[in-house]
Protein backbone atom coordinates (compact mmCIF):
# COMPACT_ATOMS: atom_id res chain seq x y z
CA MET A 1 -5.05 -15.86 1.05
CA LEU A 2 -5.63 -18.71 -0.79
CA GLU A 3 -2.71 -21.30 -1.25
CA ASN A 4 -0.98 -21.09 -4.36
CA THR A 5 -3.40 -18.55 -5.69
CA PRO A 6 -2.80 -14.90 -6.53
CA SER A 7 -3.91 -12.21 -4.05
CA HIS A 8 -7.28 -10.90 -5.65
CA THR A 9 -7.19 -8.06 -3.52
CA ALA A 10 -3.49 -6.95 -5.26
CA LYS A 11 -5.54 -7.13 -8.92
CA ARG A 12 -8.73 -4.87 -7.36
CA VAL A 13 -6.34 -2.58 -5.78
CA ALA A 14 -4.05 -2.04 -9.10
CA LEU A 15 -7.11 -1.51 -10.98
CA ARG A 16 -8.47 1.65 -8.35
CA ARG A 17 -5.46 2.81 -9.20
CA ALA A 18 -5.23 2.61 -12.90
CA ALA A 19 -9.08 4.11 -12.82
CA HIS A 20 -7.65 7.02 -10.98
CA GLN A 21 -5.48 7.74 -13.46
CA VAL A 22 -8.07 8.17 -16.29
CA LEU A 23 -11.08 8.94 -14.34
CA ASP A 24 -9.84 11.68 -11.48
CA HIS A 25 -8.50 15.45 -12.15
CA PRO A 26 -6.15 16.21 -11.21
CA ARG A 27 -4.78 13.19 -9.96
CA VAL A 28 -3.86 12.44 -6.28
CA PHE A 29 -1.24 10.20 -7.71
CA ASP A 30 0.48 9.82 -10.97
CA ASP A 31 1.55 5.95 -12.24
CA PRO A 32 2.23 6.21 -16.07
CA LEU A 33 1.89 2.53 -15.32
CA ALA A 34 -0.82 1.47 -13.83
CA LEU A 35 -2.65 0.66 -16.80
CA ARG A 36 -0.09 -1.43 -18.83
CA ILE A 37 0.71 -3.49 -15.45
CA VAL A 38 -3.34 -4.41 -15.75
CA GLY A 39 -3.41 -5.10 -18.95
CA ALA A 40 -5.09 -2.79 -20.36
CA PRO A 41 -3.08 0.57 -21.77
CA SER A 42 -5.23 1.65 -24.58
CA GLU A 43 -9.00 0.23 -24.24
CA GLY A 44 -8.65 0.21 -20.17
CA GLU A 45 -9.45 4.13 -20.23
CA ALA A 46 -12.97 3.34 -22.23
CA ALA A 47 -13.40 0.91 -20.32
CA PHE A 48 -12.85 2.77 -17.14
CA ARG A 49 -15.04 5.91 -18.31
CA GLN A 50 -18.12 3.15 -19.50
CA ASP A 51 -18.22 1.75 -16.19
CA GLN A 52 -20.78 3.12 -14.06
CA ARG A 53 -19.77 1.30 -11.08
CA GLU A 54 -16.99 3.34 -11.12
CA GLN A 55 -18.56 6.42 -10.44
CA THR A 56 -20.62 5.47 -7.11
CA ARG A 57 -19.66 6.99 -4.01
CA PHE A 58 -17.72 4.17 -2.58
CA ALA A 59 -15.79 2.96 -5.60
CA ARG A 60 -14.95 6.85 -5.88
CA SER A 61 -13.27 7.04 -1.98
CA MET A 62 -12.20 3.59 -2.31
CA ARG A 63 -10.03 4.56 -5.37
CA ALA A 64 -9.38 7.84 -3.91
CA PHE A 65 -7.84 5.60 -0.86
CA MET A 66 -6.00 3.76 -3.00
CA ALA A 67 -4.21 6.71 -4.77
CA VAL A 68 -3.58 9.04 -1.90
CA ARG A 69 -1.86 6.08 0.42
CA SER A 70 0.58 5.78 -2.29
CA ARG A 71 1.23 9.03 -2.34
CA VAL A 72 2.15 9.65 0.95
CA ALA A 73 4.77 6.72 0.65
CA GLU A 74 6.39 7.87 -2.51
CA ASP A 75 6.36 11.71 -0.80
CA GLU A 76 8.26 10.41 2.29
CA LEU A 77 10.57 8.07 0.27
CA ALA A 78 11.47 11.59 -1.19
CA ARG A 79 12.56 12.81 1.95
CA ALA A 80 13.55 9.83 3.00
CA VAL A 81 16.77 9.55 -0.06
CA ALA A 82 17.01 13.05 0.42
CA ARG A 83 18.62 12.37 3.91
CA GLY A 84 20.25 9.28 2.52
CA VAL A 85 18.37 6.49 3.07
CA LYS A 86 19.17 4.04 -0.12
CA GLN A 87 17.18 1.29 0.73
CA TYR A 88 12.89 0.82 0.16
CA VAL A 89 11.53 -2.18 0.81
CA VAL A 90 7.87 -2.80 -0.44
CA LEU A 91 6.08 -5.22 1.49
CA GLY A 92 3.13 -7.00 0.37
CA ALA A 93 3.78 -5.50 -2.90
CA GLY A 94 1.26 -6.49 -5.29
CA LEU A 95 0.94 -4.64 -8.64
CA ASP A 96 3.04 -1.62 -7.05
CA THR A 97 4.64 0.07 -10.06
CA PHE A 98 7.42 2.19 -7.92
CA ALA A 99 10.38 0.25 -8.87
CA TYR A 100 9.84 0.24 -12.31
CA ARG A 101 9.51 4.14 -12.87
CA ASN A 102 11.92 4.40 -9.78
CA PRO A 103 13.29 8.40 -10.07
CA PHE A 104 16.37 7.85 -8.02
CA GLY A 105 18.03 5.29 -10.38
CA ASP A 106 20.96 3.14 -8.73
CA ARG A 107 20.89 5.27 -6.07
CA LEU A 108 17.90 3.29 -4.14
CA ARG A 109 17.74 -0.42 -4.21
CA VAL A 110 13.99 -1.58 -3.98
CA PHE A 111 13.18 -5.00 -2.08
CA GLU A 112 9.62 -6.24 -3.43
CA VAL A 113 8.37 -8.45 -0.81
CA ASP A 114 5.23 -10.54 -1.49
CA TYR A 115 3.34 -13.90 -1.08
CA PRO A 116 5.17 -16.20 -4.23
CA ALA A 117 2.50 -16.88 -6.03
CA THR A 118 1.05 -13.09 -6.01
CA GLN A 119 4.77 -12.24 -7.17
CA ALA A 120 4.80 -14.64 -9.98
CA TRP A 121 1.82 -13.58 -11.32
CA LYS A 122 3.15 -10.01 -11.22
CA ARG A 123 6.17 -11.17 -13.51
CA GLU A 124 3.58 -12.45 -15.89
CA GLN A 125 1.85 -9.17 -15.71
CA LEU A 126 5.27 -6.97 -16.27
CA ARG A 127 6.32 -9.04 -19.23
CA GLU A 128 2.60 -8.90 -20.68
CA GLY A 129 3.02 -5.34 -20.33
CA GLY A 130 6.36 -4.49 -21.66
CA ILE A 131 7.62 -3.54 -18.30
CA PRO A 132 11.49 -4.26 -17.69
CA GLU A 133 12.51 -5.66 -14.50
CA PRO A 134 15.26 -2.90 -13.44
CA GLU A 135 18.87 -4.06 -11.93
CA TRP A 136 17.91 -2.11 -8.70
CA LEU A 137 15.38 -4.33 -7.93
CA GLN A 138 15.16 -7.52 -5.75
CA TYR A 139 12.24 -9.96 -5.76
CA VAL A 140 11.55 -11.58 -2.13
CA PRO A 141 8.82 -13.85 -1.88
CA VAL A 142 7.59 -14.48 1.74
CA ASP A 143 4.44 -15.96 3.41
CA PHE A 144 4.26 -13.31 6.13
CA GLU A 145 1.98 -15.99 8.39
CA HIS A 146 4.69 -18.08 7.84
CA GLN A 147 7.87 -16.77 7.23
CA THR A 148 10.01 -13.68 8.52
CA ALA A 149 10.42 -10.83 6.23
CA ILE A 150 12.95 -9.44 7.81
CA GLU A 151 15.15 -13.10 7.49
CA ALA A 152 14.47 -13.44 3.93
CA LEU A 153 14.97 -9.68 3.20
CA THR A 154 18.71 -10.04 4.82
CA ARG A 155 19.35 -13.33 3.15
CA ALA A 156 18.19 -11.50 -0.33
CA GLY A 157 21.01 -9.10 0.31
CA MET A 158 19.28 -5.93 2.62
CA GLN A 159 22.12 -4.23 4.55
CA ARG A 160 21.46 -3.10 8.15
CA GLU A 161 21.26 0.44 7.39
CA PRO A 162 18.19 3.01 7.55
CA THR A 163 15.49 1.58 5.61
CA LEU A 164 12.14 2.91 4.23
CA PHE A 165 9.62 0.19 4.36
CA ALA A 166 6.13 0.79 2.60
CA TRP A 167 3.25 -1.72 3.59
CA LEU A 168 -0.11 -0.76 2.19
CA GLY A 169 -2.90 -2.49 2.15
CA VAL A 170 -1.56 -5.66 4.11
CA THR A 171 -2.08 -5.29 8.41
CA MET A 172 -5.52 -5.94 8.09
CA TYR A 173 -5.33 -9.36 6.67
CA LEU A 174 -3.06 -10.47 9.32
CA GLU A 175 -2.95 -11.87 12.84
CA GLU A 176 -1.94 -8.99 15.04
CA THR A 177 0.80 -10.81 16.50
CA THR A 178 2.03 -10.87 13.08
CA VAL A 179 1.58 -7.39 12.50
CA TRP A 180 3.52 -6.42 15.50
CA SER A 181 6.29 -8.68 14.88
CA VAL A 182 6.88 -6.58 11.24
CA LEU A 183 6.98 -3.34 13.33
CA LYS A 184 9.16 -4.56 15.90
CA ALA A 185 11.75 -5.64 13.55
CA ILE A 186 10.97 -2.48 11.54
CA ALA A 187 11.67 -0.19 14.63
CA SER A 188 15.15 -1.86 14.99
CA PHE A 189 16.16 -0.67 12.45
CA PRO A 190 19.22 2.22 12.67
CA PRO A 191 17.94 5.78 12.76
CA GLY A 192 16.99 7.64 9.84
CA GLY A 193 13.85 4.99 8.08
CA GLY A 194 11.02 3.94 9.15
CA VAL A 195 7.67 2.57 7.89
CA ILE A 196 4.12 3.59 5.97
CA PHE A 197 1.58 1.47 6.46
CA ASP A 198 -1.83 1.68 6.72
CA TYR A 199 -4.78 -0.17 9.06
CA ALA A 200 -8.43 -0.72 9.18
CA VAL A 201 -9.81 1.55 12.18
CA ILE A 202 -11.76 -0.52 14.97
CA PRO A 203 -15.35 -0.84 13.90
CA GLU A 204 -16.73 0.30 17.16
CA ILE A 205 -15.51 3.83 16.79
CA LEU A 206 -16.80 4.17 13.14
CA SER A 207 -19.85 6.68 12.57
CA PRO A 208 -22.98 4.36 11.55
CA GLN A 209 -22.70 5.44 7.67
CA THR A 210 -18.99 4.22 7.54
CA GLN A 211 -20.08 1.22 9.47
CA LEU A 212 -22.40 0.12 6.47
CA VAL A 213 -19.89 0.50 3.85
CA PHE A 214 -17.35 -1.38 6.35
CA ASN A 215 -19.98 -4.56 6.48
CA GLU A 216 -19.91 -4.03 2.57
CA LEU A 217 -16.20 -4.40 2.36
CA SER A 218 -15.20 -7.01 4.75
CA ARG A 219 -18.12 -9.11 3.18
CA ARG A 220 -16.38 -8.58 -0.18
CA VAL A 221 -13.11 -9.44 0.40
CA ALA A 222 -14.14 -12.54 2.68
CA ARG A 223 -15.86 -13.63 -0.51
CA GLY A 224 -12.71 -13.60 -2.40
CA GLY A 225 -10.49 -15.57 0.45
CA GLU A 226 -9.07 -12.93 2.16
CA PRO A 227 -11.04 -11.24 5.13
CA TRP A 228 -10.29 -8.85 7.38
CA VAL A 229 -8.83 -10.41 10.23
CA THR A 230 -7.08 -6.77 12.53
CA PHE A 231 -8.18 -3.50 13.51
CA PHE A 232 -6.59 -1.02 15.68
CA ASP A 233 -7.81 2.02 17.98
CA PRO A 234 -5.59 5.16 16.51
CA LYS A 235 -5.10 6.09 19.97
CA VAL A 236 -3.84 2.87 21.28
CA LEU A 237 -1.73 1.93 18.12
CA GLY A 238 -0.21 5.24 18.46
CA ALA A 239 0.56 4.90 22.39
CA MET A 240 1.96 0.90 21.25
CA LEU A 241 4.13 2.30 18.04
CA ARG A 242 5.99 4.79 20.70
CA ALA A 243 6.51 2.20 23.17
CA THR A 244 7.96 -0.06 20.61
CA GLY A 245 10.63 2.22 19.30
CA PHE A 246 9.05 4.83 16.77
CA ALA A 247 10.49 8.42 17.03
CA SER A 248 8.10 10.06 15.15
CA LEU A 249 4.75 9.68 14.28
CA ASN A 250 2.01 10.86 12.09
CA ASP A 251 -1.30 9.45 11.61
CA MET A 252 -3.32 10.85 9.26
CA GLY A 253 -7.51 9.92 9.33
CA SER A 254 -9.81 10.94 6.59
CA GLU A 255 -10.14 14.54 7.58
CA ALA A 256 -6.04 14.78 7.22
CA LEU A 257 -5.69 13.00 3.89
CA ASN A 258 -8.64 14.81 2.93
CA GLN A 259 -6.95 18.42 4.06
CA ALA A 260 -3.85 17.44 2.65
CA TYR A 261 -4.74 15.95 -0.65
CA PHE A 262 -8.03 16.42 -1.53
CA ASN A 263 -8.76 20.21 -0.32
CA GLY A 264 -10.37 22.32 -3.28
CA ARG A 265 -11.41 19.79 -5.39
CA ASP A 266 -14.18 20.49 -8.03
CA ASP A 267 -15.06 16.96 -8.29
CA GLY A 268 -15.84 16.23 -5.25
CA LEU A 269 -13.41 13.11 -4.81
CA ARG A 270 -12.76 12.46 -0.97
CA VAL A 271 -11.25 9.05 1.27
CA GLY A 272 -13.94 7.80 3.64
CA GLY A 273 -12.79 6.96 7.45
CA LEU A 274 -12.53 3.06 7.18
CA ALA A 275 -8.74 3.05 7.37
CA HIS A 276 -5.97 5.56 8.66
CA VAL A 277 -2.03 6.13 6.93
CA VAL A 278 0.59 6.53 9.20
CA THR A 279 3.92 7.28 8.77
CA ALA A 280 6.43 5.83 12.02
CA LEU A 281 10.08 6.83 11.60
CA VAL A 282 12.99 5.29 13.70
């Protein structure tokens, strides 16, 4: 992350979620604010359709993953609210739009945690897109490498009660010690909540073809000043999460994600094998 600069990755992710709304049918993840928050409410649709780069296998796979990880998080959130969870924390929120279309209203308090410059930029995007900031939302500016997210959240009014955290598109950019510090803090919360997060798989266990995709993507993010630094072996990660205190784990790789969310599609939209999505409940 470049100091005092909004995240380039957050913009790219938001653009892929917006492209999914236009190009892929049926949608895996519905987000009626996706185009507005990237500043392309109408003309953006035509631009996405005309951009041949969006039709490459790499682009299709990437936007499928961006869409499905949000779907996994919000599916789990609906289950959490049904069992009584009243707090939802979006760590590294970027241009995530859940808080602005929250179907649970003031039954669910939402906290958005992000790098200060990225959060300020997001609020500009919201104003330009005519998207109001709801009363149930609290912004919490945090630099994960230099501040403790849980302490900042507590100062912002988060209660020590069952809470669901979403942590998407972040862990691969942080040092492993920082990742585990956050996960241990989440595991210490009262039972009923947990975390949905994604992670990059260690390149040594990827197929040769997927390693080529990995190399290209890691070069891209490094050129943008946000290199990947942390990777996990799924088996080792699962054991460590259980030892940390998570009682229920569901680690979904490409095969599980495609079977659950992309099976039977006519357009062949699929996720690749670079990353996994984990639901870890306390």
